Amino acid sequence: MEIALHYPLKNYNTFGINAHADEFVAVHSVSELSQTLKENSNKQKFILGGGSNMLLTQDIHALVIHVDIKGKELVFEDDNHVHLKAMAGENWHEFVVYSISQNYGGLENLSLIPGNVGTTPIQNIGAYGTEIKDTFVSCEAMDIETQEIKTFTKEECEFAYRESVFKNNLKNKYVIVSVTFRLTKNNHKINTAYGDILAMLAQNNIAEPTIKDVSNAVIAIRQSKLPDPKELGNSGSFFKNPIVSKELFEKAHAQHPQMPHYVVSETEVKVPAGWLIEQSGFKGKRFGDAGVHAKQALVLVNYGNATGQELLQLAKKIQETVYTNFGIRIEAEVNVI
């Protein structure tokens, strides 16, 4: 495994930011990952998956290890369920498509999310009423210091909204090498609670949807709202939907009665960040090559040669304006490097 110097990362991040790594190596097996970590124990390291959830604002002054470990395995099966294991370097959407082709249900609402399998538990990715934690069994992760493999259960991952232990207490301590999911073989729990999915199914005259129908609906919705990173640099939703106290919500709602919202608990309410951004006048706005997508205000885009710093400044401007207008703080979902 040869380490490349001053390596361009433009093709390794979905924003298409032209940053460089001081050193770069791709690993294609668990043993290669172990060897690389061992031989470079004295160096700063940066673990890179699909590059779909980060904004590079500078060059990376470290050894970038690109985890490109592929493979799928059926590790358990009974009459109703399978446990399907995927290695970290598998493309997420391709894995979802594969599971549906085998008639395994549970991941269909997460179709077309960019990135690789290994990073999905870190964010507890979610869409259209489903999150990774709903089907997650366990993940195997390598200790960066000792190269030992530890299996993390669902409880040990401490999943929350776009959160896990890997973003908090164990940040930069482990590299996820595989993830195992519990999927249904029959009696699939079809989740069409989101209005967009119901509308798309109705449009196609589908009254009793299969898991493939739901996946196709999600793909069509995402394609209609979100730009393809290969054509227009982006990282999907840049901001989290803020969960605010009931008191704060009621204060904002009194001034903006049309504000959409979802009750999370007796004390908390979730407000769509896209609506807050759109109402603040940013939807479709462009500042040089950094901009906000015309069809979905949650998505920041690189129209060609925007720098990470330019996109970060735009994000900060949006956050400040939303706070001024609504008294609500929105946080980045994307990791800013």
C-alpha atoms as a PDB file:
ATOM      1  CA  MET A   1       0.000   0.000   0.000  1.00  0.00           C
ATOM      2  CA  GLU A   2       1.755   3.053  -1.265  1.00  0.00           C
ATOM      3  CA  ILE A   3       1.168   6.364   0.492  1.00  0.00           C
ATOM      4  CA  ALA A   4       0.656   9.245  -1.964  1.00  0.00           C
ATOM      5  CA  LEU A   5       1.797  12.766  -1.077  1.00  0.00           C
ATOM      6  CA  HIS A   6      -0.145  16.041  -1.527  1.00  0.00           C
ATOM      7  CA  TYR A   7      -3.081  14.061  -2.864  1.00  0.00           C
ATOM      8  CA  PRO A   8      -6.122  15.824  -4.413  1.00  0.00           C
ATOM      9  CA  LEU A   9      -9.432  15.084  -2.635  1.00  0.00           C
ATOM     10  CA  LYS A  10     -11.806  16.688  -5.167  1.00  0.00           C
ATOM     11  CA  ASN A  11     -13.140  13.258  -6.211  1.00  0.00           C
ATOM     12  CA  TYR A  12     -13.392  12.032  -2.603  1.00  0.00           C
ATOM     13  CA  ASN A  13     -15.921  14.554  -1.266  1.00  0.00           C
ATOM     14  CA  THR A  14     -19.404  15.084  -2.694  1.00  0.00           C
ATOM     15  CA  PHE A  15     -19.099  18.879  -2.469  1.00  0.00           C
ATOM     16  CA  GLY A  16     -16.245  18.588  -4.996  1.00  0.00           C
ATOM     17  CA  ILE A  17     -13.977  20.855  -2.925  1.00  0.00           C
ATOM     18  CA  ASN A  18     -10.472  21.068  -4.318  1.00  0.00           C
ATOM     19  CA  ALA A  19      -8.526  20.372  -1.100  1.00  0.00           C
ATOM     20  CA  HIS A  20      -5.453  18.174  -0.679  1.00  0.00           C
ATOM     21  CA  ALA A  21      -4.249  15.576   1.811  1.00  0.00           C
ATOM     22  CA  ASP A  22      -0.638  15.745   2.992  1.00  0.00           C
ATOM     23  CA  GLU A  23      -0.662  11.938   2.674  1.00  0.00           C
ATOM     24  CA  PHE A  24      -3.262   9.530   1.281  1.00  0.00           C
ATOM     25  CA  VAL A  25      -3.770   5.781   1.168  1.00  0.00           C
ATOM     26  CA  ALA A  26      -6.770   3.580   0.280  1.00  0.00           C
ATOM     27  CA  VAL A  27      -7.276   0.310   2.166  1.00  0.00           C
ATOM     28  CA  HIS A  28      -9.253  -2.575   0.684  1.00  0.00           C
ATOM     29  CA  SER A  29      -9.337  -5.105   3.532  1.00  0.00           C
ATOM     30  CA  VAL A  30      -9.477  -5.218   7.316  1.00  0.00           C
ATOM     31  CA  SER A  31      -5.878  -6.481   7.391  1.00  0.00           C
ATOM     32  CA  GLU A  32      -4.695  -3.591   5.189  1.00  0.00           C
ATOM     33  CA  LEU A  33      -6.436  -1.147   7.537  1.00  0.00           C
ATOM     34  CA  SER A  34      -4.782  -2.777  10.549  1.00  0.00           C
ATOM     35  CA  GLN A  35      -1.354  -2.707   8.903  1.00  0.00           C
ATOM     36  CA  THR A  36      -1.720   0.936   7.859  1.00  0.00           C
ATOM     37  CA  LEU A  37      -2.769   2.044  11.339  1.00  0.00           C
ATOM     38  CA  LYS A  38       0.072   0.063  12.938  1.00  0.00           C
ATOM     39  CA  GLU A  39       2.792   1.317  10.593  1.00  0.00           C
ATOM     40  CA  ASN A  40       1.667   4.938  10.946  1.00  0.00           C
ATOM     41  CA  SER A  41       0.886   5.004  14.659  1.00  0.00           C
ATOM     42  CA  ASN A  42       2.908   8.194  15.190  1.00  0.00           C
ATOM     43  CA  LYS A  43       1.011  10.193  12.540  1.00  0.00           C
ATOM     44  CA  GLN A  44      -2.162  12.253  12.647  1.00  0.00           C
ATOM     45  CA  LYS A  45      -4.850  10.257  10.849  1.00  0.00           C
ATOM     46  CA  PHE A  46      -8.083  11.187   9.097  1.00  0.00           C
ATOM     47  CA  ILE A  47     -10.548   8.406   8.227  1.00  0.00           C
ATOM     48  CA  LEU A  48     -12.428   8.962   4.959  1.00  0.00           C
ATOM     49  CA  GLY A  49     -15.484   7.012   3.811  1.00  0.00           C
ATOM     50  CA  GLY A  50     -17.709   8.134   0.966  1.00  0.00           C
ATOM     51  CA  GLY A  51     -17.023  11.825   1.616  1.00  0.00           C
ATOM     52  CA  SER A  52     -20.747  12.582   1.581  1.00  0.00           C
ATOM     53  CA  ASN A  53     -21.139  14.244   4.932  1.00  0.00           C
ATOM     54  CA  MET A  54     -18.288  16.693   5.149  1.00  0.00           C
ATOM     55  CA  LEU A  55     -17.268  20.156   4.070  1.00  0.00           C
ATOM     56  CA  LEU A  56     -13.536  20.566   3.534  1.00  0.00           C
ATOM     57  CA  THR A  57     -12.568  24.137   4.411  1.00  0.00           C
ATOM     58  CA  GLN A  58      -8.806  23.508   4.240  1.00  0.00           C
ATOM     59  CA  ASP A  59      -6.163  20.977   3.228  1.00  0.00           C
ATOM     60  CA  ILE A  60      -5.932  17.959   5.537  1.00  0.00           C
ATOM     61  CA  HIS A  61      -2.575  17.949   7.285  1.00  0.00           C
ATOM     62  CA  ALA A  62      -2.681  14.264   8.174  1.00  0.00           C
ATOM     63  CA  LEU A  63      -2.571  10.784   6.681  1.00  0.00           C
ATOM     64  CA  VAL A  64      -5.975  10.335   5.018  1.00  0.00           C
ATOM     65  CA  ILE A  65      -7.034   6.665   5.114  1.00  0.00           C
ATOM     66  CA  HIS A  66      -9.780   5.960   2.597  1.00  0.00           C
ATOM     67  CA  VAL A  67     -11.780   2.924   3.779  1.00  0.00           C
ATOM     68  CA  ASP A  68     -12.653   1.003   0.605  1.00  0.00           C
ATOM     69  CA  ILE A  69     -13.467  -2.421   2.083  1.00  0.00           C
ATOM     70  CA  LYS A  70     -16.166  -4.227   0.076  1.00  0.00           C
ATOM     71  CA  GLY A  71     -18.354  -7.278   0.689  1.00  0.00           C
ATOM     72  CA  LYS A  72     -21.810  -8.483   1.828  1.00  0.00           C
ATOM     73  CA  GLU A  73     -22.700 -11.533   3.895  1.00  0.00           C
ATOM     74  CA  LEU A  74     -25.844 -13.201   5.223  1.00  0.00           C
ATOM     75  CA  VAL A  75     -24.909 -13.952   8.830  1.00  0.00           C
ATOM     76  CA  PHE A  76     -28.263 -15.159  10.209  1.00  0.00           C
ATOM     77  CA  GLU A  77     -31.616 -16.265   8.843  1.00  0.00           C
ATOM     78  CA  ASP A  78     -34.882 -17.602  10.249  1.00  0.00           C
ATOM     79  CA  ASP A  79     -38.409 -17.793   8.847  1.00  0.00           C
ATOM     80  CA  ASN A  80     -39.067 -14.062   9.175  1.00  0.00           C
ATOM     81  CA  HIS A  81     -35.769 -12.189   9.348  1.00  0.00           C
ATOM     82  CA  VAL A  82     -32.219 -12.035   8.062  1.00  0.00           C
ATOM     83  CA  HIS A  83     -29.137 -10.388   9.492  1.00  0.00           C
ATOM     84  CA  LEU A  84     -27.299  -8.890   6.521  1.00  0.00           C
ATOM     85  CA  LYS A  85     -23.747  -7.669   7.034  1.00  0.00           C
ATOM     86  CA  ALA A  86     -22.099  -5.116   4.736  1.00  0.00           C
ATOM     87  CA  MET A  87     -18.496  -3.976   4.791  1.00  0.00           C
ATOM     88  CA  ALA A  88     -17.784  -0.294   5.352  1.00  0.00           C
ATOM     89  CA  GLY A  89     -16.752   0.568   1.792  1.00  0.00           C
ATOM     90  CA  GLU A  90     -19.981  -0.639   0.182  1.00  0.00           C
ATOM     91  CA  ASN A  91     -21.940   2.169  -1.466  1.00  0.00           C
ATOM     92  CA  TRP A  92     -25.034   2.766   0.686  1.00  0.00           C
ATOM     93  CA  HIS A  93     -27.634   3.101  -2.068  1.00  0.00           C
ATOM     94  CA  GLU A  94     -26.285   0.056  -3.932  1.00  0.00           C
ATOM     95  CA  PHE A  95     -26.575  -1.914  -0.688  1.00  0.00           C
ATOM     96  CA  VAL A  96     -30.192  -0.773  -0.251  1.00  0.00           C
ATOM     97  CA  VAL A  97     -30.990  -1.776  -3.845  1.00  0.00           C
ATOM     98  CA  TYR A  98     -29.344  -5.173  -3.251  1.00  0.00           C
ATOM     99  CA  SER A  99     -31.387  -5.786  -0.070  1.00  0.00           C
ATOM    100  CA  ILE A 100     -34.623  -4.964  -1.924  1.00  0.00           C
ATOM    101  CA  SER A 101     -33.628  -7.269  -4.819  1.00  0.00           C
ATOM    102  CA  GLN A 102     -33.456 -10.091  -2.246  1.00  0.00           C
ATOM    103  CA  ASN A 103     -36.886  -9.037  -0.890  1.00  0.00           C
ATOM    104  CA  TYR A 104     -35.361  -7.957   2.430  1.00  0.00           C
ATOM    105  CA  GLY A 105     -37.360  -5.080   3.939  1.00  0.00           C
ATOM    106  CA  GLY A 106     -36.402  -2.242   6.242  1.00  0.00           C
ATOM    107  CA  LEU A 107     -34.037   0.000   4.308  1.00  0.00           C
ATOM    108  CA  GLU A 108     -36.296   1.116   1.440  1.00  0.00           C
ATOM    109  CA  ASN A 109     -37.056   4.553   2.944  1.00  0.00           C
ATOM    110  CA  LEU A 110     -33.295   5.239   3.029  1.00  0.00           C
ATOM    111  CA  SER A 111     -32.842   4.850  -0.742  1.00  0.00           C
ATOM    112  CA  LEU A 112     -30.546   7.217  -2.653  1.00  0.00           C
ATOM    113  CA  ILE A 113     -28.788   8.669   0.410  1.00  0.00           C
ATOM    114  CA  PRO A 114     -25.193   9.358  -0.699  1.00  0.00           C
ATOM    115  CA  GLY A 115     -22.218   7.812   1.081  1.00  0.00           C
ATOM    116  CA  ASN A 116     -20.930   4.426   2.200  1.00  0.00           C
ATOM    117  CA  VAL A 117     -22.230   1.855   4.689  1.00  0.00           C
ATOM    118  CA  GLY A 118     -19.459   2.448   7.239  1.00  0.00           C
ATOM    119  CA  THR A 119     -20.454   6.013   7.995  1.00  0.00           C
ATOM    120  CA  THR A 120     -24.214   5.394   8.336  1.00  0.00           C
ATOM    121  CA  PRO A 121     -24.159   4.575  12.083  1.00  0.00           C
ATOM    122  CA  ILE A 122     -21.981   7.595  12.898  1.00  0.00           C
ATOM    123  CA  GLN A 123     -24.764   9.959  11.793  1.00  0.00           C
ATOM    124  CA  ASN A 124     -27.640   7.563  12.471  1.00  0.00           C
ATOM    125  CA  ILE A 125     -28.758   8.594   8.987  1.00  0.00           C
ATOM    126  CA  GLY A 126     -32.477   8.904   8.425  1.00  0.00           C
ATOM    127  CA  ALA A 127     -35.137   9.894   5.928  1.00  0.00           C
ATOM    128  CA  TYR A 128     -38.902   9.650   5.492  1.00  0.00           C
ATOM    129  CA  GLY A 129     -39.647   8.324   8.967  1.00  0.00           C
ATOM    130  CA  THR A 130     -36.840   5.741   9.140  1.00  0.00           C
ATOM    131  CA  GLU A 131     -33.397   5.815  10.780  1.00  0.00           C
ATOM    132  CA  ILE A 132     -30.455   3.406  10.801  1.00  0.00           C
ATOM    133  CA  LYS A 133     -31.195   2.486  14.423  1.00  0.00           C
ATOM    134  CA  ASP A 134     -34.519   0.930  13.332  1.00  0.00           C
ATOM    135  CA  THR A 135     -32.767  -2.014  11.606  1.00  0.00           C
ATOM    136  CA  PHE A 136     -29.299  -1.858  13.181  1.00  0.00           C
ATOM    137  CA  VAL A 137     -28.029  -5.005  14.943  1.00  0.00           C
ATOM    138  CA  SER A 138     -24.334  -4.228  15.481  1.00  0.00           C
ATOM    139  CA  CYS A 139     -21.198  -2.876  13.897  1.00  0.00           C
ATOM    140  CA  GLU A 140     -17.590  -3.999  14.000  1.00  0.00           C
ATOM    141  CA  ALA A 141     -15.050  -1.245  14.543  1.00  0.00           C
ATOM    142  CA  MET A 142     -11.275  -1.184  14.761  1.00  0.00           C
ATOM    143  CA  ASP A 143      -9.558   0.618  17.613  1.00  0.00           C
ATOM    144  CA  ILE A 144      -7.213   3.120  15.927  1.00  0.00           C
ATOM    145  CA  GLU A 145      -4.599   2.778  18.706  1.00  0.00           C
ATOM    146  CA  THR A 146      -4.562  -1.009  19.268  1.00  0.00           C
ATOM    147  CA  GLN A 147      -6.070  -2.309  15.975  1.00  0.00           C
ATOM    148  CA  GLU A 148      -8.377  -4.568  18.001  1.00  0.00           C
ATOM    149  CA  ILE A 149     -11.859  -5.209  16.594  1.00  0.00           C
ATOM    150  CA  LYS A 150     -14.776  -4.485  18.915  1.00  0.00           C
ATOM    151  CA  THR A 151     -18.428  -5.270  18.211  1.00  0.00           C
ATOM    152  CA  PHE A 152     -20.810  -2.487  19.225  1.00  0.00           C
ATOM    153  CA  THR A 153     -24.432  -3.326  20.002  1.00  0.00           C
ATOM    154  CA  LYS A 154     -27.277  -0.953  19.218  1.00  0.00           C
ATOM    155  CA  GLU A 155     -27.373   0.185  22.868  1.00  0.00           C
ATOM    156  CA  GLU A 156     -23.617   0.839  22.925  1.00  0.00           C
ATOM    157  CA  CYS A 157     -23.927   3.078  19.855  1.00  0.00           C
ATOM    158  CA  GLU A 158     -26.122   5.510  21.840  1.00  0.00           C
ATOM    159  CA  PHE A 159     -28.171   6.528  18.799  1.00  0.00           C
ATOM    160  CA  ALA A 160     -30.097   9.807  18.804  1.00  0.00           C
ATOM    161  CA  TYR A 161     -31.268  12.226  16.076  1.00  0.00           C
ATOM    162  CA  ARG A 162     -28.237  12.373  13.720  1.00  0.00           C
ATOM    163  CA  GLU A 163     -26.081  11.339  16.675  1.00  0.00           C
ATOM    164  CA  SER A 164     -24.141   8.353  17.970  1.00  0.00           C
ATOM    165  CA  VAL A 165     -21.323   7.553  20.371  1.00  0.00           C
ATOM    166  CA  PHE A 166     -18.938   7.770  17.364  1.00  0.00           C
ATOM    167  CA  LYS A 167     -19.659  11.496  17.032  1.00  0.00           C
ATOM    168  CA  ASN A 168     -19.201  12.078  20.759  1.00  0.00           C
ATOM    169  CA  ASN A 169     -17.285  10.010  23.342  1.00  0.00           C
ATOM    170  CA  LEU A 170     -15.615   7.757  20.771  1.00  0.00           C
ATOM    171  CA  LYS A 171     -14.913  10.367  18.098  1.00  0.00           C
ATOM    172  CA  ASN A 172     -11.624   9.629  16.254  1.00  0.00           C
ATOM    173  CA  LYS A 173     -11.089   6.470  18.329  1.00  0.00           C
ATOM    174  CA  TYR A 174     -12.548   3.777  16.049  1.00  0.00           C
ATOM    175  CA  VAL A 175     -12.906   2.939  12.359  1.00  0.00           C
ATOM    176  CA  ILE A 176     -16.150   1.133  11.520  1.00  0.00           C
ATOM    177  CA  VAL A 177     -15.352  -1.833   9.261  1.00  0.00           C
ATOM    178  CA  SER A 178     -18.787  -3.501   8.926  1.00  0.00           C
ATOM    179  CA  VAL A 179     -22.443  -3.013   9.850  1.00  0.00           C
ATOM    180  CA  THR A 180     -25.104  -5.709  10.335  1.00  0.00           C
ATOM    181  CA  PHE A 181     -28.816  -5.026   9.771  1.00  0.00           C
ATOM    182  CA  ARG A 182     -31.919  -6.991  10.791  1.00  0.00           C
ATOM    183  CA  LEU A 183     -34.263  -7.048   7.798  1.00  0.00           C
ATOM    184  CA  THR A 184     -37.649  -8.648   7.192  1.00  0.00           C
ATOM    185  CA  LYS A 185     -38.195 -11.529   4.735  1.00  0.00           C
ATOM    186  CA  ASN A 186     -42.000 -11.284   4.801  1.00  0.00           C
ATOM    187  CA  ASN A 187     -44.728  -9.235   6.462  1.00  0.00           C
ATOM    188  CA  HIS A 188     -42.716  -6.124   5.663  1.00  0.00           C
ATOM    189  CA  LYS A 189     -43.574  -3.047   7.721  1.00  0.00           C
ATOM    190  CA  ILE A 190     -44.317  -0.585   4.937  1.00  0.00           C
ATOM    191  CA  ASN A 191     -43.712   2.961   6.185  1.00  0.00           C
ATOM    192  CA  THR A 192     -45.578   5.512   4.077  1.00  0.00           C
ATOM    193  CA  ALA A 193     -46.322   7.968   6.873  1.00  0.00           C
ATOM    194  CA  TYR A 194     -44.667  10.854   5.031  1.00  0.00           C
ATOM    195  CA  GLY A 195     -47.047  12.798   2.817  1.00  0.00           C
ATOM    196  CA  ASP A 196     -44.585  12.991  -0.069  1.00  0.00           C
ATOM    197  CA  ILE A 197     -44.403   9.196  -0.284  1.00  0.00           C
ATOM    198  CA  LEU A 198     -48.203   8.820  -0.157  1.00  0.00           C
ATOM    199  CA  ALA A 199     -48.584  11.454  -2.873  1.00  0.00           C
ATOM    200  CA  MET A 200     -46.007   9.770  -5.120  1.00  0.00           C
ATOM    201  CA  LEU A 201     -47.656   6.357  -4.681  1.00  0.00           C
ATOM    202  CA  ALA A 202     -51.099   7.852  -5.391  1.00  0.00           C
ATOM    203  CA  GLN A 203     -49.701   9.547  -8.489  1.00  0.00           C
ATOM    204  CA  ASN A 204     -48.626   6.093  -9.716  1.00  0.00           C
ATOM    205  CA  ASN A 205     -51.969   4.496  -8.710  1.00  0.00           C
ATOM    206  CA  ILE A 206     -50.308   2.200  -6.161  1.00  0.00           C
ATOM    207  CA  ALA A 207     -52.720   1.359  -3.320  1.00  0.00           C
ATOM    208  CA  GLU A 208     -50.808  -1.544  -1.746  1.00  0.00           C
ATOM    209  CA  PRO A 209     -47.111  -0.713  -2.103  1.00  0.00           C
ATOM    210  CA  THR A 210     -44.265  -3.227  -1.965  1.00  0.00           C
ATOM    211  CA  ILE A 211     -40.856  -2.343  -0.509  1.00  0.00           C
ATOM    212  CA  LYS A 212     -39.667  -1.724  -4.084  1.00  0.00           C
ATOM    213  CA  ASP A 213     -42.588   0.665  -4.676  1.00  0.00           C
ATOM    214  CA  VAL A 214     -41.620   2.628  -1.553  1.00  0.00           C
ATOM    215  CA  SER A 215     -37.968   2.705  -2.644  1.00  0.00           C
ATOM    216  CA  ASN A 216     -38.939   3.912  -6.134  1.00  0.00           C
ATOM    217  CA  ALA A 217     -41.129   6.630  -4.597  1.00  0.00           C
ATOM    218  CA  VAL A 218     -38.312   7.806  -2.324  1.00  0.00           C
ATOM    219  CA  ILE A 219     -35.851   7.828  -5.249  1.00  0.00           C
ATOM    220  CA  ALA A 220     -38.277   9.891  -7.367  1.00  0.00           C
ATOM    221  CA  ILE A 221     -38.869  12.364  -4.514  1.00  0.00           C
ATOM    222  CA  ARG A 222     -35.149  12.753  -3.794  1.00  0.00           C
ATOM    223  CA  GLN A 223     -34.322  13.194  -7.485  1.00  0.00           C
ATOM    224  CA  SER A 224     -37.012  15.869  -7.810  1.00  0.00           C
ATOM    225  CA  LYS A 225     -35.709  17.844  -4.816  1.00  0.00           C
ATOM    226  CA  LEU A 226     -32.008  17.098  -4.472  1.00  0.00           C
ATOM    227  CA  PRO A 227     -29.193  17.635  -6.946  1.00  0.00           C
ATOM    228  CA  ASP A 228     -26.983  14.722  -8.012  1.00  0.00           C
ATOM    229  CA  PRO A 229     -23.537  15.331  -6.416  1.00  0.00           C
ATOM    230  CA  LYS A 230     -21.897  14.141  -9.654  1.00  0.00           C
ATOM    231  CA  GLU A 231     -23.536  17.064 -11.464  1.00  0.00           C
ATOM    232  CA  LEU A 232     -23.715  19.705  -8.718  1.00  0.00           C
ATOM    233  CA  GLY A 233     -21.489  19.461  -5.652  1.00  0.00           C
ATOM    234  CA  ASN A 234     -23.498  19.062  -2.436  1.00  0.00           C
ATOM    235  CA  SER A 235     -23.716  17.035   0.739  1.00  0.00           C
ATOM    236  CA  GLY A 236     -27.473  16.503   0.936  1.00  0.00           C
ATOM    237  CA  SER A 237     -29.134  18.211   3.888  1.00  0.00           C
ATOM    238  CA  PHE A 238     -26.586  20.644   5.318  1.00  0.00           C
ATOM    239  CA  PHE A 239     -28.579  21.473   8.454  1.00  0.00           C
ATOM    240  CA  LYS A 240     -30.417  19.415  11.080  1.00  0.00           C
ATOM    241  CA  ASN A 241     -34.081  20.093  11.732  1.00  0.00           C
ATOM    242  CA  PRO A 242     -33.974  21.924  15.078  1.00  0.00           C
ATOM    243  CA  ILE A 243     -35.703  20.371  18.084  1.00  0.00           C
ATOM    244  CA  VAL A 244     -36.704  23.231  20.381  1.00  0.00           C
ATOM    245  CA  SER A 245     -38.443  23.600  23.723  1.00  0.00           C
ATOM    246  CA  LYS A 246     -42.216  23.938  23.696  1.00  0.00           C
ATOM    247  CA  GLU A 247     -41.853  27.452  25.180  1.00  0.00           C
ATOM    248  CA  LEU A 248     -39.494  28.607  22.444  1.00  0.00           C
ATOM    249  CA  PHE A 249     -41.707  27.077  19.757  1.00  0.00           C
ATOM    250  CA  GLU A 250     -44.863  28.741  21.102  1.00  0.00           C
ATOM    251  CA  LYS A 251     -43.118  32.115  21.146  1.00  0.00           C
ATOM    252  CA  ALA A 252     -41.965  31.733  17.515  1.00  0.00           C
ATOM    253  CA  HIS A 253     -45.279  30.217  16.421  1.00  0.00           C
ATOM    254  CA  ALA A 254     -47.236  33.150  17.863  1.00  0.00           C
ATOM    255  CA  GLN A 255     -45.314  35.465  15.509  1.00  0.00           C
ATOM    256  CA  HIS A 256     -45.335  32.996  12.585  1.00  0.00           C
ATOM    257  CA  PRO A 257     -48.610  31.017  12.817  1.00  0.00           C
ATOM    258  CA  GLN A 258     -47.955  29.249   9.496  1.00  0.00           C
ATOM    259  CA  MET A 259     -44.772  27.594  10.868  1.00  0.00           C
ATOM    260  CA  PRO A 260     -44.904  23.805  10.229  1.00  0.00           C
ATOM    261  CA  HIS A 261     -43.928  21.619  13.175  1.00  0.00           C
ATOM    262  CA  TYR A 262     -43.903  18.107  14.591  1.00  0.00           C
ATOM    263  CA  VAL A 263     -44.449  17.339  18.269  1.00  0.00           C
ATOM    264  CA  VAL A 264     -41.515  15.258  19.534  1.00  0.00           C
ATOM    265  CA  SER A 265     -42.538  14.984  23.191  1.00  0.00           C
ATOM    266  CA  GLU A 266     -44.504  16.883  25.812  1.00  0.00           C
ATOM    267  CA  THR A 267     -41.654  19.372  26.114  1.00  0.00           C
ATOM    268  CA  GLU A 268     -40.093  19.443  22.610  1.00  0.00           C
ATOM    269  CA  VAL A 269     -41.119  20.360  19.072  1.00  0.00           C
ATOM    270  CA  LYS A 270     -39.261  19.798  15.781  1.00  0.00           C
ATOM    271  CA  VAL A 271     -39.342  22.590  13.185  1.00  0.00           C
ATOM    272  CA  PRO A 272     -38.278  22.005   9.538  1.00  0.00           C
ATOM    273  CA  ALA A 273     -34.998  23.851   8.962  1.00  0.00           C
ATOM    274  CA  GLY A 274     -35.739  24.052   5.230  1.00  0.00           C
ATOM    275  CA  TRP A 275     -38.857  26.126   5.925  1.00  0.00           C
ATOM    276  CA  LEU A 276     -36.939  28.496   8.237  1.00  0.00           C
ATOM    277  CA  ILE A 277     -34.237  28.975   5.596  1.00  0.00           C
ATOM    278  CA  GLU A 278     -36.741  29.464   2.782  1.00  0.00           C
ATOM    279  CA  GLN A 279     -38.716  32.017   4.818  1.00  0.00           C
ATOM    280  CA  SER A 280     -35.433  33.825   5.452  1.00  0.00           C
ATOM    281  CA  GLY A 281     -35.057  34.349   1.703  1.00  0.00           C
ATOM    282  CA  PHE A 282     -32.135  32.040   0.895  1.00  0.00           C
ATOM    283  CA  LYS A 283     -33.785  29.417  -1.304  1.00  0.00           C
ATOM    284  CA  GLY A 284     -32.206  29.498  -4.781  1.00  0.00           C
ATOM    285  CA  LYS A 285     -29.809  32.318  -3.824  1.00  0.00           C
ATOM    286  CA  ARG A 286     -26.275  32.234  -5.163  1.00  0.00           C
ATOM    287  CA  PHE A 287     -23.181  33.944  -3.783  1.00  0.00           C
ATOM    288  CA  GLY A 288     -20.458  33.425  -6.369  1.00  0.00           C
ATOM    289  CA  ASP A 289     -20.174  29.649  -6.780  1.00  0.00           C
ATOM    290  CA  ALA A 290     -21.641  28.928  -3.330  1.00  0.00           C
ATOM    291  CA  GLY A 291     -25.409  28.747  -3.200  1.00  0.00           C
ATOM    292  CA  VAL A 292     -28.639  27.344  -1.790  1.00  0.00           C
ATOM    293  CA  HIS A 293     -30.423  24.854  -3.995  1.00  0.00           C
ATOM    294  CA  ALA A 294     -33.457  26.177  -5.877  1.00  0.00           C
ATOM    295  CA  LYS A 295     -35.680  23.200  -5.014  1.00  0.00           C
ATOM    296  CA  GLN A 296     -34.588  22.448  -1.432  1.00  0.00           C
ATOM    297  CA  ALA A 297     -33.389  25.173   0.931  1.00  0.00           C
ATOM    298  CA  LEU A 298     -31.691  22.625   3.234  1.00  0.00           C
ATOM    299  CA  VAL A 299     -29.097  21.883   0.559  1.00  0.00           C
ATOM    300  CA  LEU A 300     -26.016  24.047   0.016  1.00  0.00           C
ATOM    301  CA  VAL A 301     -24.405  23.608  -3.399  1.00  0.00           C
ATOM    302  CA  ASN A 302     -21.086  24.187  -5.105  1.00  0.00           C
ATOM    303  CA  TYR A 303     -21.758  25.585  -8.578  1.00  0.00           C
ATOM    304  CA  GLY A 304     -18.210  24.823  -9.687  1.00  0.00           C
ATOM    305  CA  ASN A 305     -15.313  26.422  -7.903  1.00  0.00           C
ATOM    306  CA  ALA A 306     -16.633  27.423  -4.481  1.00  0.00           C
ATOM    307  CA  THR A 307     -14.142  26.949  -1.683  1.00  0.00           C
ATOM    308  CA  GLY A 308     -15.072  25.247   1.553  1.00  0.00           C
ATOM    309  CA  GLN A 309     -14.596  28.563   3.331  1.00  0.00           C
ATOM    310  CA  GLU A 310     -17.114  30.273   1.009  1.00  0.00           C
ATOM    311  CA  LEU A 311     -19.712  27.575   1.697  1.00  0.00           C
ATOM    312  CA  LEU A 312     -19.011  27.793   5.437  1.00  0.00           C
ATOM    313  CA  GLN A 313     -19.503  31.575   5.402  1.00  0.00           C
ATOM    314  CA  LEU A 314     -22.818  31.086   3.585  1.00  0.00           C
ATOM    315  CA  ALA A 315     -23.886  28.509   6.191  1.00  0.00           C
ATOM    316  CA  LYS A 316     -23.039  30.931   9.015  1.00  0.00           C
ATOM    317  CA  LYS A 317     -24.953  33.734   7.298  1.00  0.00           C
ATOM    318  CA  ILE A 318     -28.010  31.465   7.047  1.00  0.00           C
ATOM    319  CA  GLN A 319     -27.734  30.456  10.720  1.00  0.00           C
ATOM    320  CA  GLU A 320     -27.487  34.081  11.860  1.00  0.00           C
ATOM    321  CA  THR A 321     -30.436  35.207   9.715  1.00  0.00           C
ATOM    322  CA  VAL A 322     -32.675  32.335  10.873  1.00  0.00           C
ATOM    323  CA  TYR A 323     -31.832  33.127  14.502  1.00  0.00           C
ATOM    324  CA  THR A 324     -32.568  36.831  13.971  1.00  0.00           C
ATOM    325  CA  ASN A 325     -35.889  36.070  12.274  1.00  0.00           C
ATOM    326  CA  PHE A 326     -37.188  33.244  14.449  1.00  0.00           C
ATOM    327  CA  GLY A 327     -35.044  33.024  17.605  1.00  0.00           C
ATOM    328  CA  ILE A 328     -34.230  29.421  16.613  1.00  0.00           C
ATOM    329  CA  ARG A 329     -30.682  28.122  16.186  1.00  0.00           C
ATOM    330  CA  ILE A 330     -30.043  25.616  13.392  1.00  0.00           C
ATOM    331  CA  GLU A 331     -26.998  23.348  13.515  1.00  0.00           C
ATOM    332  CA  ALA A 332     -24.973  21.887  10.666  1.00  0.00           C
ATOM    333  CA  GLU A 333     -25.586  18.199  10.017  1.00  0.00           C
ATOM    334  CA  VAL A 334     -22.464  18.110   7.847  1.00  0.00           C
ATOM    335  CA  ASN A 335     -19.049  17.749   9.497  1.00  0.00           C
ATOM    336  CA  VAL A 336     -16.999  20.878   8.898  1.00  0.00           C
ATOM    337  CA  ILE A 337     -13.317  20.000   8.521  1.00  0.00           C
END
